[in-house]
N, C-alpha and C. Protein backbone atom coordinates (compact mmCIF):
# COMPACT_ATOMS: atom_id res chain seq x y z
N MET A 1 219.38 46.08 58.98
CA MET A 1 220.74 45.68 58.73
C MET A 1 220.93 44.26 59.26
N LEU A 2 221.64 43.46 58.51
CA LEU A 2 221.86 42.07 58.83
C LEU A 2 223.35 41.82 58.98
N SER A 3 223.75 41.17 60.07
CA SER A 3 225.16 40.81 60.23
C SER A 3 225.46 39.58 59.40
N LEU A 4 226.73 39.33 59.18
CA LEU A 4 227.12 38.09 58.54
C LEU A 4 226.88 36.94 59.51
N PRO A 5 226.42 35.80 59.01
CA PRO A 5 226.25 34.65 59.90
C PRO A 5 227.61 34.12 60.34
N ARG A 6 227.62 33.48 61.49
CA ARG A 6 228.86 32.93 62.03
C ARG A 6 228.50 31.73 62.91
N ILE A 7 229.50 30.93 63.23
CA ILE A 7 229.32 29.81 64.15
C ILE A 7 230.04 30.16 65.44
N ILE A 8 229.33 30.01 66.56
CA ILE A 8 229.89 30.33 67.87
C ILE A 8 229.69 29.14 68.81
N GLU A 9 230.45 29.14 69.90
CA GLU A 9 230.24 28.18 70.99
C GLU A 9 229.44 28.90 72.08
N ARG A 10 228.38 28.27 72.52
CA ARG A 10 227.59 28.83 73.63
C ARG A 10 227.70 27.87 74.81
N PRO A 11 227.88 28.42 76.02
CA PRO A 11 227.90 27.56 77.21
C PRO A 11 226.49 27.16 77.60
N GLU A 12 226.39 26.13 78.43
CA GLU A 12 225.11 25.75 79.02
C GLU A 12 224.60 26.94 79.83
N GLN A 13 223.29 27.17 79.81
CA GLN A 13 222.73 28.35 80.47
C GLN A 13 221.39 28.01 81.12
N PRO A 14 221.25 28.24 82.44
CA PRO A 14 219.92 28.04 83.04
C PRO A 14 218.95 29.11 82.52
N TYR A 15 217.70 28.71 82.40
CA TYR A 15 216.69 29.67 81.95
C TYR A 15 215.33 29.32 82.54
N ALA A 16 214.46 30.32 82.54
CA ALA A 16 213.07 30.16 82.96
C ALA A 16 212.20 30.36 81.73
N PHE A 17 211.06 29.65 81.67
CA PHE A 17 210.22 29.79 80.48
C PHE A 17 208.77 29.43 80.77
N VAL A 18 207.93 29.87 79.84
CA VAL A 18 206.52 29.50 79.79
C VAL A 18 206.30 28.83 78.44
N PRO A 19 205.79 27.58 78.41
CA PRO A 19 205.58 26.90 77.13
C PRO A 19 204.24 27.28 76.49
N PHE A 20 204.25 27.32 75.16
CA PHE A 20 203.04 27.61 74.38
C PHE A 20 203.00 26.69 73.17
N SER A 21 201.80 26.23 72.80
CA SER A 21 201.55 25.59 71.51
C SER A 21 200.63 26.54 70.76
N ILE A 22 201.11 27.04 69.63
CA ILE A 22 200.39 28.08 68.91
C ILE A 22 200.44 27.80 67.41
N ASN A 23 199.67 28.55 66.64
CA ASN A 23 199.82 28.53 65.19
C ASN A 23 200.49 29.83 64.76
N MET A 24 200.81 29.96 63.50
CA MET A 24 201.57 31.12 63.01
C MET A 24 200.84 32.45 63.27
N GLU A 25 199.53 32.43 63.25
CA GLU A 25 198.77 33.67 63.49
C GLU A 25 198.84 34.11 64.95
N GLN A 26 199.25 33.21 65.84
CA GLN A 26 199.32 33.51 67.27
C GLN A 26 200.74 33.79 67.74
N LEU A 27 201.64 34.10 66.84
CA LEU A 27 203.06 34.21 67.16
C LEU A 27 203.37 35.25 68.23
N ARG A 28 202.54 36.26 68.39
CA ARG A 28 202.79 37.30 69.41
C ARG A 28 202.30 36.90 70.81
N VAL A 29 201.48 35.86 70.89
CA VAL A 29 200.89 35.46 72.17
C VAL A 29 201.94 35.15 73.24
N PRO A 30 202.99 34.36 72.95
CA PRO A 30 203.97 34.09 73.99
C PRO A 30 204.63 35.37 74.55
N ALA A 31 204.86 36.36 73.69
CA ALA A 31 205.45 37.61 74.16
C ALA A 31 204.43 38.43 74.96
N GLU A 32 203.24 38.55 74.43
CA GLU A 32 202.22 39.38 75.07
C GLU A 32 201.69 38.79 76.37
N GLU A 33 201.56 37.47 76.44
CA GLU A 33 201.04 36.82 77.64
C GLU A 33 202.14 36.18 78.49
N GLY A 34 203.10 35.55 77.83
CA GLY A 34 204.12 34.79 78.56
C GLY A 34 205.16 35.63 79.27
N PHE A 35 205.72 36.62 78.58
CA PHE A 35 206.77 37.42 79.21
C PHE A 35 206.29 38.15 80.46
N PRO A 36 205.13 38.82 80.44
CA PRO A 36 204.68 39.47 81.68
C PRO A 36 204.49 38.48 82.84
N ARG A 37 203.90 37.32 82.56
CA ARG A 37 203.72 36.30 83.61
C ARG A 37 205.07 35.81 84.12
N LEU A 38 205.99 35.55 83.19
CA LEU A 38 207.30 35.03 83.55
C LEU A 38 208.08 36.03 84.40
N PHE A 39 208.13 37.27 83.98
CA PHE A 39 208.88 38.28 84.74
C PHE A 39 208.26 38.51 86.12
N GLY A 40 206.93 38.46 86.21
CA GLY A 40 206.27 38.59 87.50
C GLY A 40 206.61 37.43 88.43
N TYR A 41 206.61 36.22 87.89
CA TYR A 41 206.94 35.03 88.68
C TYR A 41 208.38 35.09 89.16
N LEU A 42 209.30 35.46 88.27
CA LEU A 42 210.71 35.57 88.67
C LEU A 42 210.90 36.62 89.76
N GLN A 43 210.17 37.71 89.66
CA GLN A 43 210.26 38.76 90.68
C GLN A 43 209.79 38.22 92.04
N GLN A 44 208.71 37.43 92.04
CA GLN A 44 208.24 36.82 93.29
C GLN A 44 209.30 35.92 93.91
N LEU A 45 210.07 35.24 93.07
CA LEU A 45 211.11 34.33 93.56
C LEU A 45 212.43 35.05 93.87
N GLY A 46 212.49 36.34 93.54
CA GLY A 46 213.73 37.08 93.76
C GLY A 46 214.83 36.71 92.78
N ILE A 47 214.44 36.27 91.59
CA ILE A 47 215.39 35.88 90.55
C ILE A 47 215.40 36.96 89.47
N THR A 48 216.59 37.44 89.14
CA THR A 48 216.74 38.47 88.13
C THR A 48 217.20 37.85 86.81
N PRO A 49 216.57 38.22 85.69
CA PRO A 49 217.07 37.74 84.40
C PRO A 49 218.52 38.17 84.19
N SER A 50 219.32 37.29 83.55
CA SER A 50 220.73 37.60 83.35
C SER A 50 221.05 38.01 81.92
N ALA A 51 220.07 37.98 81.03
CA ALA A 51 220.26 38.37 79.63
C ALA A 51 218.87 38.64 79.03
N PRO A 52 218.81 39.12 77.79
CA PRO A 52 217.52 39.45 77.18
C PRO A 52 216.61 38.23 76.99
N PRO A 53 215.30 38.47 76.90
CA PRO A 53 214.34 37.39 76.69
C PRO A 53 214.42 36.82 75.27
N PHE A 54 213.81 35.66 75.10
CA PHE A 54 213.87 34.98 73.81
C PHE A 54 212.67 34.09 73.61
N TYR A 55 212.48 33.67 72.36
CA TYR A 55 211.63 32.54 72.02
C TYR A 55 212.58 31.38 71.76
N ASN A 56 212.22 30.19 72.23
CA ASN A 56 212.93 28.97 71.91
C ASN A 56 211.92 28.09 71.17
N TYR A 57 212.12 27.91 69.87
CA TYR A 57 211.22 27.11 69.05
C TYR A 57 211.61 25.65 69.20
N ARG A 58 210.85 24.87 69.95
CA ARG A 58 211.17 23.47 70.21
C ARG A 58 210.62 22.53 69.15
N ARG A 59 209.44 22.84 68.62
CA ARG A 59 208.85 22.03 67.53
C ARG A 59 208.18 22.97 66.56
N ILE A 60 208.46 22.72 65.27
CA ILE A 60 207.88 23.57 64.23
C ILE A 60 207.20 22.72 63.18
N ASP A 61 205.92 22.98 62.97
CA ASP A 61 205.15 22.45 61.85
C ASP A 61 204.42 23.66 61.29
N MET A 62 205.03 24.29 60.30
CA MET A 62 204.51 25.57 59.79
C MET A 62 203.05 25.48 59.32
N ALA A 63 202.63 24.31 58.87
CA ALA A 63 201.26 24.14 58.40
C ALA A 63 200.27 23.95 59.53
N ASP A 64 200.76 23.68 60.74
CA ASP A 64 199.85 23.39 61.84
C ASP A 64 200.23 24.21 63.08
N THR A 65 201.05 23.64 63.97
CA THR A 65 201.35 24.33 65.22
C THR A 65 202.85 24.37 65.49
N LEU A 66 203.21 25.25 66.41
CA LEU A 66 204.58 25.40 66.88
C LEU A 66 204.59 25.28 68.40
N ASP A 67 205.59 24.62 68.94
CA ASP A 67 205.81 24.62 70.39
C ASP A 67 206.91 25.63 70.67
N VAL A 68 206.53 26.70 71.35
CA VAL A 68 207.42 27.83 71.59
C VAL A 68 207.53 28.07 73.08
N GLN A 69 208.74 28.34 73.53
CA GLN A 69 208.96 28.75 74.92
C GLN A 69 209.26 30.24 74.94
N ALA A 70 208.51 31.00 75.73
CA ALA A 70 208.86 32.38 76.01
C ALA A 70 209.78 32.32 77.22
N GLY A 71 211.07 32.61 77.01
CA GLY A 71 212.04 32.38 78.08
C GLY A 71 212.99 33.53 78.31
N VAL A 72 213.79 33.35 79.36
CA VAL A 72 214.82 34.33 79.70
C VAL A 72 215.92 33.62 80.48
N PRO A 73 217.19 33.91 80.17
CA PRO A 73 218.29 33.34 80.95
C PRO A 73 218.27 33.87 82.39
N VAL A 74 218.66 33.01 83.32
CA VAL A 74 218.74 33.39 84.73
C VAL A 74 220.07 32.88 85.29
N ALA A 75 220.52 33.49 86.37
CA ALA A 75 221.77 33.07 87.00
C ALA A 75 221.59 31.75 87.74
N ARG A 76 220.39 31.52 88.25
CA ARG A 76 220.11 30.29 88.98
C ARG A 76 218.67 29.87 88.73
N ALA A 77 218.45 28.58 88.75
CA ALA A 77 217.09 28.05 88.56
C ALA A 77 216.29 28.23 89.84
N GLY A 78 214.99 28.23 89.68
CA GLY A 78 214.08 28.31 90.82
C GLY A 78 213.14 27.13 90.79
N GLN A 79 212.06 27.24 91.53
CA GLN A 79 211.05 26.18 91.62
C GLN A 79 210.02 26.35 90.51
N ASP A 80 209.76 25.27 89.75
CA ASP A 80 208.68 25.29 88.77
C ASP A 80 207.37 25.58 89.49
N GLY A 81 206.48 26.30 88.81
CA GLY A 81 205.17 26.55 89.40
C GLY A 81 204.35 27.51 88.57
N ASP A 82 203.05 27.41 88.69
CA ASP A 82 202.11 28.32 88.02
C ASP A 82 202.36 28.37 86.51
N GLY A 83 202.69 27.22 85.92
CA GLY A 83 202.94 27.16 84.48
C GLY A 83 204.33 27.61 84.06
N MET A 84 205.14 28.04 85.02
CA MET A 84 206.52 28.47 84.75
C MET A 84 207.45 27.29 84.99
N ARG A 85 208.49 27.20 84.16
CA ARG A 85 209.44 26.10 84.29
C ARG A 85 210.87 26.61 84.21
N PHE A 86 211.77 25.78 84.69
CA PHE A 86 213.21 26.07 84.62
C PHE A 86 213.89 24.90 83.92
N ALA A 87 214.91 25.20 83.13
CA ALA A 87 215.67 24.17 82.41
C ALA A 87 217.03 24.75 82.05
N MET A 88 217.78 24.00 81.23
CA MET A 88 219.11 24.44 80.78
C MET A 88 219.11 24.53 79.26
N LEU A 89 219.58 25.66 78.75
CA LEU A 89 219.86 25.75 77.31
C LEU A 89 221.14 24.96 77.08
N PRO A 90 221.18 24.11 76.06
CA PRO A 90 222.36 23.26 75.88
C PRO A 90 223.59 24.00 75.36
N ALA A 91 224.74 23.56 75.84
CA ALA A 91 226.01 24.07 75.33
C ALA A 91 226.24 23.48 73.95
N GLY A 92 227.04 24.18 73.16
CA GLY A 92 227.40 23.63 71.86
C GLY A 92 227.65 24.70 70.83
N ARG A 93 227.78 24.23 69.59
CA ARG A 93 228.00 25.13 68.46
C ARG A 93 226.65 25.61 67.94
N TYR A 94 226.58 26.91 67.68
CA TYR A 94 225.36 27.54 67.20
C TYR A 94 225.66 28.37 65.96
N ALA A 95 224.78 28.30 64.98
CA ALA A 95 224.80 29.24 63.86
C ALA A 95 224.03 30.46 64.33
N THR A 96 224.60 31.64 64.11
CA THR A 96 223.98 32.85 64.65
C THR A 96 224.15 34.02 63.69
N LEU A 97 223.25 34.98 63.81
CA LEU A 97 223.36 36.26 63.13
C LEU A 97 222.50 37.27 63.88
N ASP A 98 222.75 38.55 63.61
CA ASP A 98 222.01 39.63 64.25
C ASP A 98 221.21 40.37 63.19
N TRP A 99 219.98 40.71 63.53
CA TRP A 99 219.09 41.45 62.63
C TRP A 99 218.70 42.75 63.32
N HIS A 100 218.93 43.87 62.64
CA HIS A 100 218.50 45.19 63.10
C HIS A 100 217.36 45.60 62.19
N GLY A 101 216.14 45.44 62.67
CA GLY A 101 214.98 45.76 61.85
C GLY A 101 213.71 45.21 62.45
N PRO A 102 212.60 45.37 61.73
CA PRO A 102 211.29 44.97 62.27
C PRO A 102 211.15 43.45 62.40
N TYR A 103 210.38 43.05 63.39
CA TYR A 103 210.14 41.63 63.63
C TYR A 103 209.45 40.96 62.44
N GLU A 104 208.68 41.72 61.69
CA GLU A 104 207.94 41.15 60.56
C GLU A 104 208.86 40.56 59.50
N ALA A 105 210.13 40.94 59.48
CA ALA A 105 211.09 40.41 58.50
C ALA A 105 211.83 39.18 58.99
N LEU A 106 211.56 38.73 60.22
CA LEU A 106 212.34 37.62 60.79
C LEU A 106 212.17 36.30 60.03
N GLU A 107 211.05 36.09 59.38
CA GLU A 107 210.88 34.86 58.62
C GLU A 107 211.91 34.80 57.48
N GLN A 108 212.11 35.93 56.79
CA GLN A 108 213.10 35.98 55.71
C GLN A 108 214.52 35.91 56.26
N VAL A 109 214.77 36.55 57.40
CA VAL A 109 216.10 36.51 58.02
C VAL A 109 216.42 35.07 58.44
N THR A 110 215.43 34.38 59.00
CA THR A 110 215.61 32.98 59.39
C THR A 110 215.93 32.12 58.17
N ALA A 111 215.23 32.36 57.07
CA ALA A 111 215.49 31.60 55.84
C ALA A 111 216.93 31.82 55.37
N MET A 112 217.45 33.03 55.54
CA MET A 112 218.83 33.31 55.14
C MET A 112 219.82 32.50 55.99
N LEU A 113 219.58 32.44 57.31
CA LEU A 113 220.47 31.68 58.19
C LEU A 113 220.40 30.19 57.85
N ILE A 114 219.21 29.67 57.63
CA ILE A 114 219.05 28.26 57.27
C ILE A 114 219.79 27.97 55.97
N GLY A 115 219.64 28.83 54.98
CA GLY A 115 220.32 28.65 53.71
C GLY A 115 221.83 28.67 53.85
N TRP A 116 222.35 29.56 54.68
CA TRP A 116 223.80 29.65 54.90
C TRP A 116 224.31 28.37 55.55
N VAL A 117 223.60 27.87 56.55
CA VAL A 117 224.01 26.63 57.22
C VAL A 117 224.05 25.48 56.21
N GLN A 118 223.05 25.40 55.35
CA GLN A 118 223.05 24.35 54.33
C GLN A 118 224.20 24.54 53.34
N LEU A 119 224.46 25.77 52.95
CA LEU A 119 225.53 26.08 52.00
C LEU A 119 226.90 25.64 52.50
N ILE A 120 227.15 25.82 53.79
CA ILE A 120 228.47 25.46 54.32
C ILE A 120 228.53 24.01 54.80
N GLY A 121 227.45 23.26 54.59
CA GLY A 121 227.47 21.83 54.84
C GLY A 121 227.25 21.39 56.28
N HIS A 122 226.62 22.24 57.08
CA HIS A 122 226.31 21.87 58.45
C HIS A 122 224.83 21.52 58.56
N GLY A 123 224.44 20.97 59.69
CA GLY A 123 223.04 20.64 59.94
C GLY A 123 222.64 21.07 61.33
N PHE A 124 221.36 21.27 61.51
CA PHE A 124 220.85 21.67 62.81
C PHE A 124 220.67 20.46 63.72
N ASP A 125 220.77 20.70 65.03
CA ASP A 125 220.53 19.65 66.02
C ASP A 125 219.01 19.52 66.16
N MET A 126 218.44 18.68 65.31
CA MET A 126 216.99 18.53 65.25
C MET A 126 216.65 17.14 64.74
N VAL A 127 215.40 16.76 64.98
CA VAL A 127 214.86 15.49 64.51
C VAL A 127 213.54 15.79 63.81
N GLY A 128 213.40 15.33 62.58
CA GLY A 128 212.14 15.48 61.86
C GLY A 128 211.20 14.32 62.17
N LYS A 129 209.98 14.65 62.53
CA LYS A 129 208.95 13.65 62.81
C LYS A 129 207.70 14.03 62.04
N ALA A 130 206.70 13.15 62.07
CA ALA A 130 205.46 13.39 61.33
C ALA A 130 204.76 14.67 61.77
N ASP A 131 204.90 15.05 63.04
CA ASP A 131 204.21 16.24 63.54
C ASP A 131 205.11 17.47 63.60
N GLY A 132 206.26 17.43 62.91
CA GLY A 132 207.10 18.62 62.85
C GLY A 132 208.56 18.33 63.10
N ASP A 133 209.35 19.39 63.05
CA ASP A 133 210.78 19.31 63.32
C ASP A 133 211.02 19.70 64.78
N TYR A 134 211.72 18.82 65.51
CA TYR A 134 212.01 19.03 66.93
C TYR A 134 213.46 19.52 67.06
N PHE A 135 213.64 20.69 67.64
CA PHE A 135 214.95 21.32 67.76
C PHE A 135 215.49 21.21 69.18
N ALA A 136 216.81 20.95 69.27
CA ALA A 136 217.47 20.95 70.58
C ALA A 136 217.44 22.36 71.16
N CYS A 137 217.66 23.36 70.31
CA CYS A 137 217.63 24.75 70.75
C CYS A 137 217.62 25.65 69.52
N ARG A 138 216.58 26.44 69.38
CA ARG A 138 216.45 27.36 68.24
C ARG A 138 215.95 28.70 68.80
N LEU A 139 216.88 29.58 69.08
CA LEU A 139 216.59 30.82 69.80
C LEU A 139 216.39 32.02 68.88
N GLU A 140 215.43 32.86 69.28
CA GLU A 140 215.20 34.17 68.70
C GLU A 140 215.31 35.12 69.90
N ILE A 141 216.47 35.77 70.04
CA ILE A 141 216.78 36.56 71.23
C ILE A 141 216.46 38.03 70.96
N TYR A 142 215.65 38.63 71.82
CA TYR A 142 215.20 40.01 71.63
C TYR A 142 216.11 40.97 72.38
N GLU A 143 217.18 41.38 71.71
CA GLU A 143 218.22 42.22 72.32
C GLU A 143 217.71 43.61 72.67
N ALA A 144 216.81 44.15 71.86
CA ALA A 144 216.22 45.47 72.12
C ALA A 144 214.71 45.30 72.23
N ASP A 145 214.15 45.69 73.34
CA ASP A 145 212.73 45.58 73.61
C ASP A 145 211.95 46.45 72.63
N SER A 146 211.03 45.83 71.88
CA SER A 146 210.27 46.59 70.88
C SER A 146 209.43 47.70 71.50
N SER A 147 209.03 47.55 72.76
CA SER A 147 208.24 48.60 73.41
C SER A 147 209.12 49.78 73.82
N ALA A 148 210.44 49.58 73.83
CA ALA A 148 211.36 50.65 74.23
C ALA A 148 211.93 51.41 73.04
N VAL A 149 211.61 50.98 71.82
CA VAL A 149 212.11 51.67 70.63
C VAL A 149 210.94 52.26 69.87
N SER A 150 211.12 53.46 69.34
CA SER A 150 210.03 54.12 68.62
C SER A 150 210.01 53.75 67.15
N ASN A 151 211.15 53.34 66.60
CA ASN A 151 211.25 53.00 65.20
C ASN A 151 211.49 51.49 65.07
N PRO A 152 210.64 50.76 64.33
CA PRO A 152 210.82 49.30 64.21
C PRO A 152 212.19 48.90 63.67
N THR A 153 212.85 49.78 62.93
CA THR A 153 214.18 49.44 62.42
C THR A 153 215.23 49.44 63.52
N ASP A 154 214.87 49.93 64.71
CA ASP A 154 215.80 49.93 65.85
C ASP A 154 215.72 48.64 66.67
N CYS A 155 214.79 47.75 66.32
CA CYS A 155 214.70 46.46 67.01
C CYS A 155 215.93 45.63 66.65
N VAL A 156 216.47 44.93 67.64
CA VAL A 156 217.64 44.07 67.42
C VAL A 156 217.28 42.66 67.89
N THR A 157 217.43 41.70 66.98
CA THR A 157 217.13 40.31 67.27
C THR A 157 218.32 39.45 66.86
N THR A 158 218.73 38.55 67.74
CA THR A 158 219.79 37.59 67.42
C THR A 158 219.16 36.22 67.24
N LEU A 159 219.47 35.58 66.14
CA LEU A 159 219.07 34.19 65.93
C LEU A 159 220.25 33.31 66.32
N ALA A 160 220.00 32.23 67.05
CA ALA A 160 221.04 31.29 67.46
C ALA A 160 220.44 29.89 67.42
N PHE A 161 220.84 29.09 66.43
CA PHE A 161 220.30 27.75 66.22
C PHE A 161 221.39 26.73 66.48
N LYS A 162 221.13 25.79 67.37
CA LYS A 162 222.14 24.77 67.73
C LYS A 162 222.41 23.86 66.53
N LEU A 163 223.70 23.59 66.31
CA LEU A 163 224.14 22.73 65.22
C LEU A 163 224.44 21.32 65.73
N ARG A 164 224.34 20.35 64.82
CA ARG A 164 224.77 18.99 65.14
C ARG A 164 226.28 18.99 65.29
N ARG A 165 226.79 18.07 66.09
CA ARG A 165 228.25 17.91 66.23
C ARG A 165 228.79 17.14 65.07
C-alpha cells in the first residue's frame, strides 16, 4: 500500500551514521554491516536512537556507485570514531510518502515520488555533477524492521527527499 505523496516541514535533526560507497548490487551492505556496528557504537557511548534507522543517499550514479549513509536519529551527538560519524539532517521542506510492502519495490516507489515532485513543479535540493547527483538529504526511513516482520508486505518505509526552496 502506498500513501499519497505530500510536502512536509522537517526540523534539523542530529544523527549518527556509517558512510558507504557501493554499487546497486551491494545495496544491502550498509544495513547488514553498518547498522549493527552503528548501534553497537552508540550503545558504548550511552546514546539511544530517537527514531527509526534510515539510508541517506548523498550521491547517486546508478550506472556506477552510490554514497549511502546507514544512519539513525539521536537526541544528542557524540564523538566521531571507529568509522562512525555524527552530523545534522537539514531542516526544510521534504517530499514524502509511506510504502507498506517489500523493499524490492522501493525503486518503483521512488520513481513515483520523483514523478510527483516533477509534476507539481518542484525540484530536489541536489546538484548534478559528472560523477552523479549530490543530494542535501534523501532519506529512506525503515519504520518497521524487516527482521521483526514475517510477511514482506508488513515492511513500512518512508521516503523523505529534501526540496529546493
